[in-house]
């Protein structure tokens, strides 16, 4: 079921029942590619769409649908203390529990962003400096070049880097 998220009962995290699930964007031609949680929300990522599900009440409720805002794999998402951050061709996004913001707006132009990312960019969070790290051009083997963007939550600013080459020849989710 490419549109289905299985649910467990309260305090039964490892038990799933046949009738306990959420169908997300039924038959929209997209697969679920990643999941993330922040506070009492679950973000369900498909290839072109992000769904935000509020799970705080007795009934789960679709809170928001953000079109053209999906990801192709889990490595394009990271959790931070500030919310869930993800990257795609449209930018670097942050869901803070209330709204989705684009962190690169007004700081990195669209042409630079799109020409830099490549087909499989990766994002990670560095907690000591409170920074997002975006690595460019990771390929299917996990190999990447050494260029990227760094976003600082402290200064709300971006910088580029050309010295992020991993110590091994492969990169997985950071």
C-alpha atoms as a PDB file:
ATOM      1  CA  UNK A   1       0.000   0.000   0.000  1.00  0.00           C
ATOM      2  CA  UNK A   2       2.014   2.943  -1.242  1.00  0.00           C
ATOM      3  CA  UNK A   3      -0.455   5.491   0.228  1.00  0.00           C
ATOM      4  CA  UNK A   4      -0.867   3.896   3.654  1.00  0.00           C
ATOM      5  CA  UNK A   5       0.640   4.679   7.054  1.00  0.00           C
ATOM      6  CA  UNK A   6       0.084   1.959   9.640  1.00  0.00           C
ATOM      7  CA  UNK A   7      -0.924   3.054  13.148  1.00  0.00           C
ATOM      8  CA  UNK A   8      -0.543   1.406  16.510  1.00  0.00           C
ATOM      9  CA  UNK A   9      -2.863   1.840  19.470  1.00  0.00           C
ATOM     10  CA  UNK A  10      -1.884   4.184  22.288  1.00  0.00           C
ATOM     11  CA  UNK A  11       1.026   2.735  24.294  1.00  0.00           C
ATOM     12  CA  UNK A  12       1.172  -0.322  22.003  1.00  0.00           C
ATOM     13  CA  UNK A  13       3.916   0.900  19.706  1.00  0.00           C
ATOM     14  CA  UNK A  14       4.883  -2.478  18.327  1.00  0.00           C
ATOM     15  CA  UNK A  15       1.399  -3.803  17.545  1.00  0.00           C
ATOM     16  CA  UNK A  16      -0.397  -3.060  14.299  1.00  0.00           C
ATOM     17  CA  UNK A  17      -3.914  -4.126  13.451  1.00  0.00           C
ATOM     18  CA  UNK A  18      -5.455  -4.686  10.048  1.00  0.00           C
ATOM     19  CA  UNK A  19      -7.953  -1.825  10.381  1.00  0.00           C
ATOM     20  CA  UNK A  20      -5.626   0.717  12.004  1.00  0.00           C
ATOM     21  CA  UNK A  21      -4.111   2.897   9.279  1.00  0.00           C
ATOM     22  CA  UNK A  22      -4.234   6.254   7.511  1.00  0.00           C
ATOM     23  CA  UNK A  23      -4.578   6.452   3.744  1.00  0.00           C
ATOM     24  CA  UNK A  24      -2.687   9.545   2.611  1.00  0.00           C
ATOM     25  CA  UNK A  25      -3.462  11.104  -0.777  1.00  0.00           C
ATOM     26  CA  UNK A  26      -5.172   8.001  -2.099  1.00  0.00           C
ATOM     27  CA  UNK A  27      -4.407   7.227  -5.740  1.00  0.00           C
ATOM     28  CA  UNK A  28      -2.498  10.449  -6.385  1.00  0.00           C
ATOM     29  CA  UNK A  29       0.192   8.602  -8.358  1.00  0.00           C
ATOM     30  CA  UNK A  30       2.865   9.191  -5.715  1.00  0.00           C
ATOM     31  CA  UNK A  31       4.513   6.879  -3.207  1.00  0.00           C
ATOM     32  CA  UNK A  32       5.211   7.696   0.419  1.00  0.00           C
ATOM     33  CA  UNK A  33       8.958   8.306   0.478  1.00  0.00           C
ATOM     34  CA  UNK A  34       9.630   9.433   4.066  1.00  0.00           C
ATOM     35  CA  UNK A  35       8.071  10.140   7.452  1.00  0.00           C
ATOM     36  CA  UNK A  36       9.001  12.602  10.191  1.00  0.00           C
ATOM     37  CA  UNK A  37       7.457  13.605  13.513  1.00  0.00           C
ATOM     38  CA  UNK A  38       7.474  16.919  15.329  1.00  0.00           C
ATOM     39  CA  UNK A  39       5.510  17.523  18.541  1.00  0.00           C
ATOM     40  CA  UNK A  40       2.029  16.098  17.899  1.00  0.00           C
ATOM     41  CA  UNK A  41       2.305  16.177  14.118  1.00  0.00           C
ATOM     42  CA  UNK A  42       3.397  13.569  11.601  1.00  0.00           C
ATOM     43  CA  UNK A  43       4.786  14.751   8.291  1.00  0.00           C
ATOM     44  CA  UNK A  44       4.150  12.299   5.479  1.00  0.00           C
ATOM     45  CA  UNK A  45       6.329  12.971   2.459  1.00  0.00           C
ATOM     46  CA  UNK A  46       5.511  11.807  -1.010  1.00  0.00           C
ATOM     47  CA  UNK A  47       7.481  12.510  -4.181  1.00  0.00           C
ATOM     48  CA  UNK A  48       5.817  15.879  -4.836  1.00  0.00           C
ATOM     49  CA  UNK A  49       3.589  16.522  -1.808  1.00  0.00           C
ATOM     50  CA  UNK A  50       3.922  16.865   1.966  1.00  0.00           C
ATOM     51  CA  UNK A  51       0.993  16.050   4.248  1.00  0.00           C
ATOM     52  CA  UNK A  52       0.838  17.228   7.851  1.00  0.00           C
ATOM     53  CA  UNK A  53      -1.279  15.043  10.137  1.00  0.00           C
ATOM     54  CA  UNK A  54      -2.346  16.231  13.594  1.00  0.00           C
ATOM     55  CA  UNK A  55      -2.331  13.224  15.929  1.00  0.00           C
ATOM     56  CA  UNK A  56      -3.024  15.075  19.184  1.00  0.00           C
ATOM     57  CA  UNK A  57      -6.724  14.208  19.494  1.00  0.00           C
ATOM     58  CA  UNK A  58      -8.835  11.091  19.535  1.00  0.00           C
ATOM     59  CA  UNK A  59      -9.076  11.263  15.737  1.00  0.00           C
ATOM     60  CA  UNK A  60      -6.127  11.910  13.456  1.00  0.00           C
ATOM     61  CA  UNK A  61      -6.761  14.949  11.284  1.00  0.00           C
ATOM     62  CA  UNK A  62      -5.199  16.098   8.008  1.00  0.00           C
ATOM     63  CA  UNK A  63      -4.005  19.583   8.906  1.00  0.00           C
ATOM     64  CA  UNK A  64      -2.211  20.743   5.781  1.00  0.00           C
ATOM     65  CA  UNK A  65      -1.241  19.626   2.289  1.00  0.00           C
ATOM     66  CA  UNK A  66       1.761  21.301   0.683  1.00  0.00           C
ATOM     67  CA  UNK A  67       1.958  20.602  -3.030  1.00  0.00           C
ATOM     68  CA  UNK A  68       5.241  20.567  -4.994  1.00  0.00           C
ATOM     69  CA  UNK A  69       6.976  20.185  -1.645  1.00  0.00           C
ATOM     70  CA  UNK A  70       7.831  16.488  -1.402  1.00  0.00           C
ATOM     71  CA  UNK A  71      11.074  14.534  -1.270  1.00  0.00           C
ATOM     72  CA  UNK A  72      12.373  11.496  -3.095  1.00  0.00           C
ATOM     73  CA  UNK A  73      14.114   9.769  -0.168  1.00  0.00           C
ATOM     74  CA  UNK A  74      14.601   9.947   3.607  1.00  0.00           C
ATOM     75  CA  UNK A  75      18.046  11.581   3.358  1.00  0.00           C
ATOM     76  CA  UNK A  76      16.384  14.831   2.268  1.00  0.00           C
ATOM     77  CA  UNK A  77      14.811  15.271   5.734  1.00  0.00           C
ATOM     78  CA  UNK A  78      16.269  15.982   9.167  1.00  0.00           C
ATOM     79  CA  UNK A  79      14.879  16.715  12.604  1.00  0.00           C
ATOM     80  CA  UNK A  80      16.110  19.742  14.522  1.00  0.00           C
ATOM     81  CA  UNK A  81      15.049  21.363  17.816  1.00  0.00           C
ATOM     82  CA  UNK A  82      13.462  24.057  15.634  1.00  0.00           C
ATOM     83  CA  UNK A  83      11.304  21.640  13.634  1.00  0.00           C
ATOM     84  CA  UNK A  84      11.586  19.299  10.682  1.00  0.00           C
ATOM     85  CA  UNK A  85      13.775  20.565   7.831  1.00  0.00           C
ATOM     86  CA  UNK A  86      13.851  19.187   4.295  1.00  0.00           C
ATOM     87  CA  UNK A  87      15.251  20.034   0.901  1.00  0.00           C
ATOM     88  CA  UNK A  88      13.989  19.676  -2.636  1.00  0.00           C
ATOM     89  CA  UNK A  89      14.217  21.547  -5.932  1.00  0.00           C
ATOM     90  CA  UNK A  90      11.938  24.263  -4.515  1.00  0.00           C
ATOM     91  CA  UNK A  91      14.159  25.101  -1.558  1.00  0.00           C
ATOM     92  CA  UNK A  92      14.994  24.350   2.046  1.00  0.00           C
ATOM     93  CA  UNK A  93      11.854  24.079   4.131  1.00  0.00           C
ATOM     94  CA  UNK A  94      11.219  24.113   7.880  1.00  0.00           C
ATOM     95  CA  UNK A  95       8.039  23.012   9.614  1.00  0.00           C
ATOM     96  CA  UNK A  96       8.076  24.563  13.097  1.00  0.00           C
ATOM     97  CA  UNK A  97       4.842  23.049  14.422  1.00  0.00           C
ATOM     98  CA  UNK A  98       2.676  25.831  13.015  1.00  0.00           C
ATOM     99  CA  UNK A  99       3.764  26.645   9.478  1.00  0.00           C
ATOM    100  CA  UNK A 100       6.154  25.734   6.682  1.00  0.00           C
ATOM    101  CA  UNK A 101       8.821  28.353   5.920  1.00  0.00           C
ATOM    102  CA  UNK A 102      11.385  28.451   3.136  1.00  0.00           C
ATOM    103  CA  UNK A 103      14.737  29.239   4.713  1.00  0.00           C
ATOM    104  CA  UNK A 104      16.561  30.200   1.515  1.00  0.00           C
ATOM    105  CA  UNK A 105      14.012  32.811   0.296  1.00  0.00           C
ATOM    106  CA  UNK A 106      15.739  36.150  -0.203  1.00  0.00           C
ATOM    107  CA  UNK A 107      19.129  34.596   0.529  1.00  0.00           C
ATOM    108  CA  UNK A 108      19.816  32.114  -2.289  1.00  0.00           C
ATOM    109  CA  UNK A 109      18.267  32.697  -5.706  1.00  0.00           C
ATOM    110  CA  UNK A 110      16.324  29.888  -7.346  1.00  0.00           C
ATOM    111  CA  UNK A 111      18.825  29.371 -10.189  1.00  0.00           C
ATOM    112  CA  UNK A 112      21.730  28.920  -7.777  1.00  0.00           C
ATOM    113  CA  UNK A 113      19.707  26.570  -5.568  1.00  0.00           C
ATOM    114  CA  UNK A 114      18.511  24.400  -8.467  1.00  0.00           C
ATOM    115  CA  UNK A 115      21.852  24.216 -10.271  1.00  0.00           C
ATOM    116  CA  UNK A 116      23.679  23.286  -7.057  1.00  0.00           C
ATOM    117  CA  UNK A 117      21.552  20.509  -5.583  1.00  0.00           C
ATOM    118  CA  UNK A 118      21.879  17.772  -8.157  1.00  0.00           C
ATOM    119  CA  UNK A 119      19.607  14.741  -8.115  1.00  0.00           C
ATOM    120  CA  UNK A 120      20.138  13.364  -4.592  1.00  0.00           C
ATOM    121  CA  UNK A 121      21.121  16.055  -2.102  1.00  0.00           C
ATOM    122  CA  UNK A 122      21.429  15.208   1.598  1.00  0.00           C
ATOM    123  CA  UNK A 123      20.567  17.288   4.657  1.00  0.00           C
ATOM    124  CA  UNK A 124      21.679  16.922   8.258  1.00  0.00           C
ATOM    125  CA  UNK A 125      21.647  18.902  11.494  1.00  0.00           C
ATOM    126  CA  UNK A 126      24.785  19.816  13.424  1.00  0.00           C
ATOM    127  CA  UNK A 127      23.670  20.435  17.020  1.00  0.00           C
ATOM    128  CA  UNK A 128      26.742  22.146  18.483  1.00  0.00           C
ATOM    129  CA  UNK A 129      26.706  25.010  15.964  1.00  0.00           C
ATOM    130  CA  UNK A 130      22.934  24.780  15.358  1.00  0.00           C
ATOM    131  CA  UNK A 131      23.407  24.423  11.611  1.00  0.00           C
ATOM    132  CA  UNK A 132      21.783  22.621   8.721  1.00  0.00           C
ATOM    133  CA  UNK A 133      24.268  21.021   6.354  1.00  0.00           C
ATOM    134  CA  UNK A 134      23.209  20.403   2.749  1.00  0.00           C
ATOM    135  CA  UNK A 135      25.502  18.215   0.658  1.00  0.00           C
ATOM    136  CA  UNK A 136      25.189  18.374  -3.134  1.00  0.00           C
ATOM    137  CA  UNK A 137      25.141  15.663  -5.741  1.00  0.00           C
ATOM    138  CA  UNK A 138      25.003  12.451  -3.730  1.00  0.00           C
ATOM    139  CA  UNK A 139      24.497   9.643  -6.211  1.00  0.00           C
ATOM    140  CA  UNK A 140      22.794   6.287  -5.796  1.00  0.00           C
ATOM    141  CA  UNK A 141      25.987   4.681  -4.503  1.00  0.00           C
ATOM    142  CA  UNK A 142      26.178   7.239  -1.687  1.00  0.00           C
ATOM    143  CA  UNK A 143      29.193   8.986  -3.194  1.00  0.00           C
ATOM    144  CA  UNK A 144      29.140  12.777  -3.045  1.00  0.00           C
ATOM    145  CA  UNK A 145      31.283  15.720  -4.009  1.00  0.00           C
ATOM    146  CA  UNK A 146      32.561  18.114  -1.362  1.00  0.00           C
ATOM    147  CA  UNK A 147      30.312  21.122  -2.001  1.00  0.00           C
ATOM    148  CA  UNK A 148      27.304  22.224  -0.026  1.00  0.00           C
ATOM    149  CA  UNK A 149      25.338  24.904   1.750  1.00  0.00           C
ATOM    150  CA  UNK A 150      25.332  25.549   5.488  1.00  0.00           C
ATOM    151  CA  UNK A 151      22.427  27.331   7.187  1.00  0.00           C
ATOM    152  CA  UNK A 152      22.838  28.844  10.660  1.00  0.00           C
ATOM    153  CA  UNK A 153      19.767  28.990  12.871  1.00  0.00           C
ATOM    154  CA  UNK A 154      21.657  31.448  15.113  1.00  0.00           C
ATOM    155  CA  UNK A 155      22.223  34.071  12.405  1.00  0.00           C
ATOM    156  CA  UNK A 156      19.474  33.077   9.926  1.00  0.00           C
ATOM    157  CA  UNK A 157      22.098  33.059   7.191  1.00  0.00           C
ATOM    158  CA  UNK A 158      23.556  30.750   4.531  1.00  0.00           C
ATOM    159  CA  UNK A 159      27.098  30.095   3.402  1.00  0.00           C
ATOM    160  CA  UNK A 160      28.625  27.824   0.812  1.00  0.00           C
ATOM    161  CA  UNK A 161      31.349  25.314   1.459  1.00  0.00           C
ATOM    162  CA  UNK A 162      33.672  23.257  -0.681  1.00  0.00           C
ATOM    163  CA  UNK A 163      35.272  21.256   2.119  1.00  0.00           C
ATOM    164  CA  UNK A 164      32.595  18.789   3.215  1.00  0.00           C
ATOM    165  CA  UNK A 165      34.148  15.691   1.660  1.00  0.00           C
ATOM    166  CA  UNK A 166      33.359  12.699   3.874  1.00  0.00           C
ATOM    167  CA  UNK A 167      36.219  10.589   5.205  1.00  0.00           C
ATOM    168  CA  UNK A 168      34.891   7.569   3.342  1.00  0.00           C
ATOM    169  CA  UNK A 169      33.705   7.425  -0.252  1.00  0.00           C
ATOM    170  CA  UNK A 170      30.045   6.989   0.711  1.00  0.00           C
ATOM    171  CA  UNK A 171      27.480   9.058   2.563  1.00  0.00           C
ATOM    172  CA  UNK A 172      24.231   7.799   4.032  1.00  0.00           C
ATOM    173  CA  UNK A 173      21.655   9.703   6.037  1.00  0.00           C
ATOM    174  CA  UNK A 174      23.635  12.079   8.200  1.00  0.00           C
END
